[in-house]
């Protein structure tokens, strides 16, 4: 069950940063930061491991906040998710789907439901 769908179709609830300050200890958040530093590079800190979900106002992970071009595009187009976008399946999204096929599945289900 999807808790909170991101613009791109990912399940924010499956992300370890989703409401992490409320759910995880400082040590658990540090472990996520350490893993992200290895997996994605950068210098994530405990403070970075907390996010309200990309479609909501509030704290976002550094990637979702400033580096995700899909989020920026969806906000600019004022869509609920990419499933509602007139340009659905654009180059940004199709490239992302290659890395995250579950996001395509989630958005396709949303397109069918609408």
N, C-alpha and C. Protein backbone atom coordinates (compact mmCIF):
# COMPACT_ATOMS: atom_id res chain seq x y z
N UNK A 1 0.84 -1.18 0.00
CA UNK A 1 0.00 0.00 0.00
C UNK A 1 0.89 1.24 0.00
N UNK A 2 0.65 2.15 -0.92
CA UNK A 2 1.43 3.38 -1.01
C UNK A 2 0.93 4.36 0.04
N UNK A 3 1.85 4.84 0.84
CA UNK A 3 1.51 5.80 1.89
C UNK A 3 1.41 7.20 1.31
N UNK A 4 2.40 7.58 0.52
CA UNK A 4 2.46 8.93 -0.02
C UNK A 4 3.24 8.87 -1.33
N UNK A 5 2.57 9.11 -2.43
CA UNK A 5 3.22 8.99 -3.73
C UNK A 5 3.93 10.30 -4.09
N UNK A 6 5.15 10.17 -4.56
CA UNK A 6 5.92 11.32 -5.01
C UNK A 6 5.48 11.72 -6.41
N UNK A 7 5.87 12.91 -6.83
CA UNK A 7 5.55 13.36 -8.19
C UNK A 7 5.96 12.31 -9.22
N UNK A 8 7.12 11.70 -9.02
CA UNK A 8 7.69 10.75 -9.97
C UNK A 8 7.07 9.37 -9.91
N UNK A 9 6.27 9.10 -8.86
CA UNK A 9 5.65 7.80 -8.72
C UNK A 9 6.25 6.93 -7.63
N UNK A 10 7.37 7.34 -7.06
CA UNK A 10 7.93 6.56 -5.97
C UNK A 10 7.03 6.64 -4.75
N UNK A 11 7.08 5.61 -3.93
CA UNK A 11 6.34 5.57 -2.68
C UNK A 11 7.20 6.22 -1.61
N UNK A 12 6.89 7.46 -1.27
CA UNK A 12 7.69 8.18 -0.25
C UNK A 12 7.73 7.39 1.06
N UNK A 13 6.65 6.70 1.38
CA UNK A 13 6.60 5.93 2.62
C UNK A 13 7.62 4.82 2.68
N UNK A 14 8.14 4.40 1.53
CA UNK A 14 9.17 3.35 1.48
C UNK A 14 10.57 3.92 1.67
N UNK A 15 10.70 5.25 1.65
CA UNK A 15 12.00 5.90 1.80
C UNK A 15 12.34 6.01 3.28
N UNK A 16 13.57 5.68 3.65
CA UNK A 16 13.93 5.76 5.07
C UNK A 16 13.89 7.18 5.64
N UNK A 17 13.91 8.19 4.79
CA UNK A 17 13.86 9.57 5.28
C UNK A 17 12.44 10.06 5.56
N UNK A 18 11.43 9.32 5.08
CA UNK A 18 10.05 9.76 5.24
C UNK A 18 9.68 9.79 6.72
N UNK A 19 9.49 11.00 7.23
CA UNK A 19 9.17 11.23 8.65
C UNK A 19 10.15 10.52 9.58
N UNK A 20 11.40 10.46 9.18
CA UNK A 20 12.41 9.73 9.95
C UNK A 20 12.64 10.31 11.34
N UNK A 21 12.56 11.62 11.49
CA UNK A 21 12.78 12.22 12.80
C UNK A 21 11.77 11.72 13.82
N UNK A 22 10.59 11.35 13.35
CA UNK A 22 9.54 10.83 14.23
C UNK A 22 9.64 9.32 14.45
N UNK A 23 10.27 8.61 13.49
CA UNK A 23 10.26 7.15 13.52
C UNK A 23 11.58 6.50 13.90
N UNK A 24 12.69 7.19 13.63
CA UNK A 24 14.00 6.57 13.79
C UNK A 24 14.81 7.25 14.89
N UNK A 25 15.68 6.48 15.51
CA UNK A 25 16.60 7.06 16.48
C UNK A 25 17.69 7.83 15.72
N UNK A 26 18.43 8.63 16.44
CA UNK A 26 19.54 9.36 15.82
C UNK A 26 20.53 8.37 15.21
N UNK A 27 20.78 7.27 15.89
CA UNK A 27 21.72 6.27 15.38
C UNK A 27 21.21 5.64 14.09
N UNK A 28 19.92 5.37 14.01
CA UNK A 28 19.35 4.79 12.79
C UNK A 28 19.41 5.80 11.64
N UNK A 29 19.15 7.07 11.94
CA UNK A 29 19.24 8.10 10.90
C UNK A 29 20.69 8.27 10.45
N UNK A 30 21.65 8.15 11.37
CA UNK A 30 23.06 8.23 10.99
C UNK A 30 23.43 7.07 10.08
N UNK A 31 22.90 5.89 10.36
CA UNK A 31 23.18 4.73 9.51
C UNK A 31 22.64 4.96 8.09
N UNK A 32 21.47 5.57 7.96
CA UNK A 32 20.93 5.89 6.64
C UNK A 32 21.82 6.91 5.95
N UNK A 33 22.24 7.94 6.68
CA UNK A 33 23.13 8.97 6.10
C UNK A 33 24.42 8.32 5.61
N UNK A 34 25.00 7.44 6.41
CA UNK A 34 26.24 6.75 6.01
C UNK A 34 26.02 5.92 4.75
N UNK A 35 24.88 5.21 4.68
CA UNK A 35 24.58 4.39 3.50
C UNK A 35 24.41 5.27 2.28
N UNK A 36 23.68 6.38 2.40
CA UNK A 36 23.49 7.28 1.27
C UNK A 36 24.81 7.87 0.80
N UNK A 37 25.73 8.16 1.74
CA UNK A 37 27.03 8.71 1.36
C UNK A 37 27.81 7.71 0.52
N UNK A 38 27.68 6.44 0.84
CA UNK A 38 28.35 5.39 0.06
C UNK A 38 27.62 5.18 -1.27
N UNK A 39 26.30 5.04 -1.22
CA UNK A 39 25.52 4.71 -2.41
C UNK A 39 25.43 5.86 -3.41
N UNK A 40 25.28 7.08 -2.90
CA UNK A 40 25.01 8.22 -3.78
C UNK A 40 26.08 9.30 -3.75
N UNK A 41 27.07 9.13 -2.90
CA UNK A 41 28.09 10.16 -2.75
C UNK A 41 27.56 11.33 -1.93
N UNK A 42 28.39 12.28 -1.70
CA UNK A 42 27.96 13.45 -0.94
C UNK A 42 28.32 13.34 0.52
N UNK A 43 27.76 14.22 1.28
CA UNK A 43 28.05 14.25 2.71
C UNK A 43 26.76 14.45 3.49
N UNK A 44 25.88 13.46 3.41
CA UNK A 44 24.61 13.51 4.13
C UNK A 44 24.86 13.44 5.63
N UNK A 45 24.04 14.16 6.36
CA UNK A 45 24.12 14.16 7.82
C UNK A 45 22.81 13.66 8.40
N UNK A 46 22.79 13.48 9.70
CA UNK A 46 21.57 13.05 10.39
C UNK A 46 20.42 14.01 10.07
N UNK A 47 20.70 15.29 10.01
CA UNK A 47 19.67 16.30 9.74
C UNK A 47 19.05 16.12 8.35
N UNK A 48 19.78 15.55 7.42
CA UNK A 48 19.27 15.32 6.07
C UNK A 48 18.26 14.18 6.00
N UNK A 49 18.27 13.33 7.01
CA UNK A 49 17.44 12.13 6.98
C UNK A 49 16.11 12.42 7.65
N UNK A 50 15.34 13.25 7.00
CA UNK A 50 13.98 13.55 7.41
C UNK A 50 13.30 14.25 6.24
N UNK A 51 12.10 13.84 5.91
CA UNK A 51 11.40 14.39 4.75
C UNK A 51 9.90 14.18 4.95
N UNK A 52 9.12 15.16 4.54
CA UNK A 52 7.66 15.06 4.66
C UNK A 52 7.01 14.48 3.41
N UNK A 53 7.82 14.17 2.41
CA UNK A 53 7.29 13.71 1.13
C UNK A 53 7.34 14.85 0.14
N UNK A 54 7.74 14.57 -1.07
CA UNK A 54 8.06 15.66 -2.01
C UNK A 54 6.87 16.50 -2.43
N UNK A 55 5.66 16.01 -2.27
CA UNK A 55 4.50 16.79 -2.69
C UNK A 55 3.95 17.68 -1.58
N UNK A 56 4.59 17.65 -0.43
CA UNK A 56 4.12 18.42 0.73
C UNK A 56 5.09 19.55 1.07
N UNK A 57 4.57 20.59 1.69
CA UNK A 57 5.40 21.68 2.18
C UNK A 57 6.09 21.23 3.46
N UNK A 58 7.34 21.57 3.59
CA UNK A 58 8.09 21.23 4.80
C UNK A 58 9.47 20.74 4.45
N UNK A 59 10.06 19.99 5.35
CA UNK A 59 11.44 19.50 5.20
C UNK A 59 11.50 18.39 4.17
N UNK A 60 12.50 18.49 3.28
CA UNK A 60 12.73 17.47 2.27
C UNK A 60 14.18 17.01 2.35
N UNK A 61 14.43 15.80 1.88
CA UNK A 61 15.82 15.33 1.78
C UNK A 61 16.54 16.25 0.79
N UNK A 62 17.86 16.39 0.90
CA UNK A 62 18.58 17.29 -0.01
C UNK A 62 18.35 16.98 -1.49
N UNK A 63 18.31 15.71 -1.86
CA UNK A 63 18.08 15.38 -3.26
C UNK A 63 16.71 15.86 -3.70
N UNK A 64 15.69 15.49 -2.95
CA UNK A 64 14.32 15.85 -3.33
C UNK A 64 14.13 17.37 -3.31
N UNK A 65 14.81 18.04 -2.41
CA UNK A 65 14.61 19.47 -2.26
C UNK A 65 15.23 20.28 -3.40
N UNK A 66 16.46 19.96 -3.78
CA UNK A 66 17.15 20.84 -4.72
C UNK A 66 17.68 20.17 -5.99
N UNK A 67 17.79 18.86 -6.00
CA UNK A 67 18.43 18.22 -7.13
C UNK A 67 17.48 17.46 -8.06
N UNK A 68 16.28 17.18 -7.61
CA UNK A 68 15.37 16.38 -8.41
C UNK A 68 14.69 17.25 -9.47
N UNK A 69 15.05 17.03 -10.73
CA UNK A 69 14.45 17.82 -11.81
C UNK A 69 13.00 17.44 -12.05
N UNK A 70 12.61 16.24 -11.71
CA UNK A 70 11.21 15.82 -11.89
C UNK A 70 10.33 16.60 -10.91
N UNK A 71 10.75 16.71 -9.67
CA UNK A 71 9.98 17.46 -8.67
C UNK A 71 9.82 18.92 -9.10
N UNK A 72 10.92 19.54 -9.53
CA UNK A 72 10.86 20.93 -9.97
C UNK A 72 9.92 21.13 -11.14
N UNK A 73 9.94 20.21 -12.07
CA UNK A 73 9.07 20.27 -13.24
C UNK A 73 7.61 20.13 -12.83
N UNK A 74 7.31 19.16 -11.97
CA UNK A 74 5.92 18.94 -11.54
C UNK A 74 5.38 20.14 -10.78
N UNK A 75 6.21 20.74 -9.95
CA UNK A 75 5.78 21.93 -9.22
C UNK A 75 5.49 23.06 -10.20
N UNK A 76 6.38 23.25 -11.17
CA UNK A 76 6.19 24.32 -12.17
C UNK A 76 4.92 24.11 -12.98
N UNK A 77 4.58 22.85 -13.24
CA UNK A 77 3.38 22.54 -14.04
C UNK A 77 2.12 22.41 -13.18
N UNK A 78 2.30 22.50 -11.87
CA UNK A 78 1.18 22.43 -10.93
C UNK A 78 0.34 21.16 -11.09
N UNK A 79 1.04 20.02 -11.21
CA UNK A 79 0.34 18.73 -11.29
C UNK A 79 0.46 18.01 -9.95
N UNK A 80 -0.51 17.15 -9.68
CA UNK A 80 -0.49 16.38 -8.44
C UNK A 80 0.64 15.35 -8.46
N UNK A 81 0.79 14.66 -9.59
CA UNK A 81 1.90 13.77 -9.87
C UNK A 81 2.15 13.82 -11.37
N UNK A 82 3.21 13.19 -11.81
CA UNK A 82 3.49 13.16 -13.25
C UNK A 82 2.39 12.42 -14.03
N UNK A 83 1.63 11.57 -13.36
CA UNK A 83 0.54 10.85 -14.03
C UNK A 83 -0.49 11.80 -14.62
N UNK A 84 -0.65 12.97 -14.02
CA UNK A 84 -1.63 13.94 -14.50
C UNK A 84 -1.05 14.93 -15.51
N UNK A 85 0.22 14.82 -15.82
CA UNK A 85 0.88 15.77 -16.71
C UNK A 85 0.55 15.46 -18.19
N UNK A 86 0.33 16.51 -18.95
CA UNK A 86 0.07 16.36 -20.39
C UNK A 86 1.28 15.79 -21.12
N UNK A 87 2.47 15.97 -20.55
CA UNK A 87 3.71 15.46 -21.15
C UNK A 87 4.15 14.14 -20.53
N UNK A 88 3.21 13.40 -19.94
CA UNK A 88 3.54 12.13 -19.28
C UNK A 88 4.38 11.25 -20.20
N UNK A 89 5.44 10.70 -19.63
CA UNK A 89 6.35 9.87 -20.40
C UNK A 89 7.47 10.65 -21.03
N UNK A 90 7.65 11.89 -20.59
CA UNK A 90 8.72 12.75 -21.12
C UNK A 90 10.09 12.11 -20.90
N UNK A 91 11.10 12.72 -21.45
CA UNK A 91 12.46 12.20 -21.36
C UNK A 91 12.94 12.09 -19.91
N UNK A 92 12.66 13.12 -19.10
CA UNK A 92 13.07 13.08 -17.69
C UNK A 92 12.48 11.86 -17.00
N UNK A 93 11.21 11.66 -17.22
CA UNK A 93 10.51 10.57 -16.55
C UNK A 93 10.91 9.21 -17.09
N UNK A 94 11.01 9.08 -18.39
CA UNK A 94 11.37 7.77 -18.95
C UNK A 94 12.78 7.37 -18.53
N UNK A 95 13.70 8.31 -18.44
CA UNK A 95 15.04 8.00 -17.95
C UNK A 95 15.00 7.54 -16.50
N UNK A 96 14.16 8.17 -15.71
CA UNK A 96 14.01 7.79 -14.31
C UNK A 96 13.40 6.40 -14.19
N UNK A 97 12.42 6.09 -15.02
CA UNK A 97 11.78 4.77 -14.98
C UNK A 97 12.77 3.65 -15.21
N UNK A 98 13.82 3.90 -15.96
CA UNK A 98 14.84 2.87 -16.19
C UNK A 98 15.50 2.46 -14.88
N UNK A 99 15.61 3.43 -13.95
CA UNK A 99 16.21 3.15 -12.63
C UNK A 99 15.17 2.70 -11.61
N UNK A 100 13.93 3.12 -11.78
CA UNK A 100 12.90 2.87 -10.78
C UNK A 100 11.60 2.41 -11.45
N UNK A 101 11.57 1.17 -11.94
CA UNK A 101 10.37 0.70 -12.65
C UNK A 101 9.12 0.69 -11.78
N UNK A 102 9.29 0.58 -10.47
CA UNK A 102 8.13 0.61 -9.59
C UNK A 102 7.42 1.96 -9.64
N UNK A 103 8.15 3.02 -9.94
CA UNK A 103 7.54 4.35 -10.07
C UNK A 103 6.60 4.37 -11.27
N UNK A 104 7.02 3.75 -12.38
CA UNK A 104 6.15 3.67 -13.56
C UNK A 104 4.87 2.90 -13.22
N UNK A 105 5.02 1.79 -12.54
CA UNK A 105 3.85 0.98 -12.15
C UNK A 105 2.88 1.81 -11.32
N UNK A 106 3.40 2.57 -10.36
CA UNK A 106 2.54 3.41 -9.50
C UNK A 106 1.84 4.50 -10.30
N UNK A 107 2.56 5.15 -11.20
CA UNK A 107 1.94 6.21 -12.00
C UNK A 107 0.94 5.66 -13.01
N UNK A 108 1.26 4.52 -13.61
CA UNK A 108 0.33 3.90 -14.56
C UNK A 108 -0.99 3.55 -13.85
N UNK A 109 -0.90 3.02 -12.64
CA UNK A 109 -2.10 2.69 -11.89
C UNK A 109 -2.91 3.95 -11.60
N UNK A 110 -2.23 5.02 -11.33
CA UNK A 110 -2.91 6.30 -11.06
C UNK A 110 -3.58 6.83 -12.33
N UNK A 111 -2.92 6.66 -13.49
CA UNK A 111 -3.50 7.13 -14.76
C UNK A 111 -4.77 6.33 -15.08
N UNK A 112 -4.74 5.03 -14.83
CA UNK A 112 -5.90 4.18 -15.09
C UNK A 112 -7.05 4.56 -14.17
N UNK A 113 -6.73 4.86 -12.91
CA UNK A 113 -7.77 5.20 -11.93
C UNK A 113 -8.43 6.53 -12.25
N UNK A 114 -7.69 7.43 -12.90
CA UNK A 114 -8.24 8.74 -13.23
C UNK A 114 -8.85 8.67 -14.58
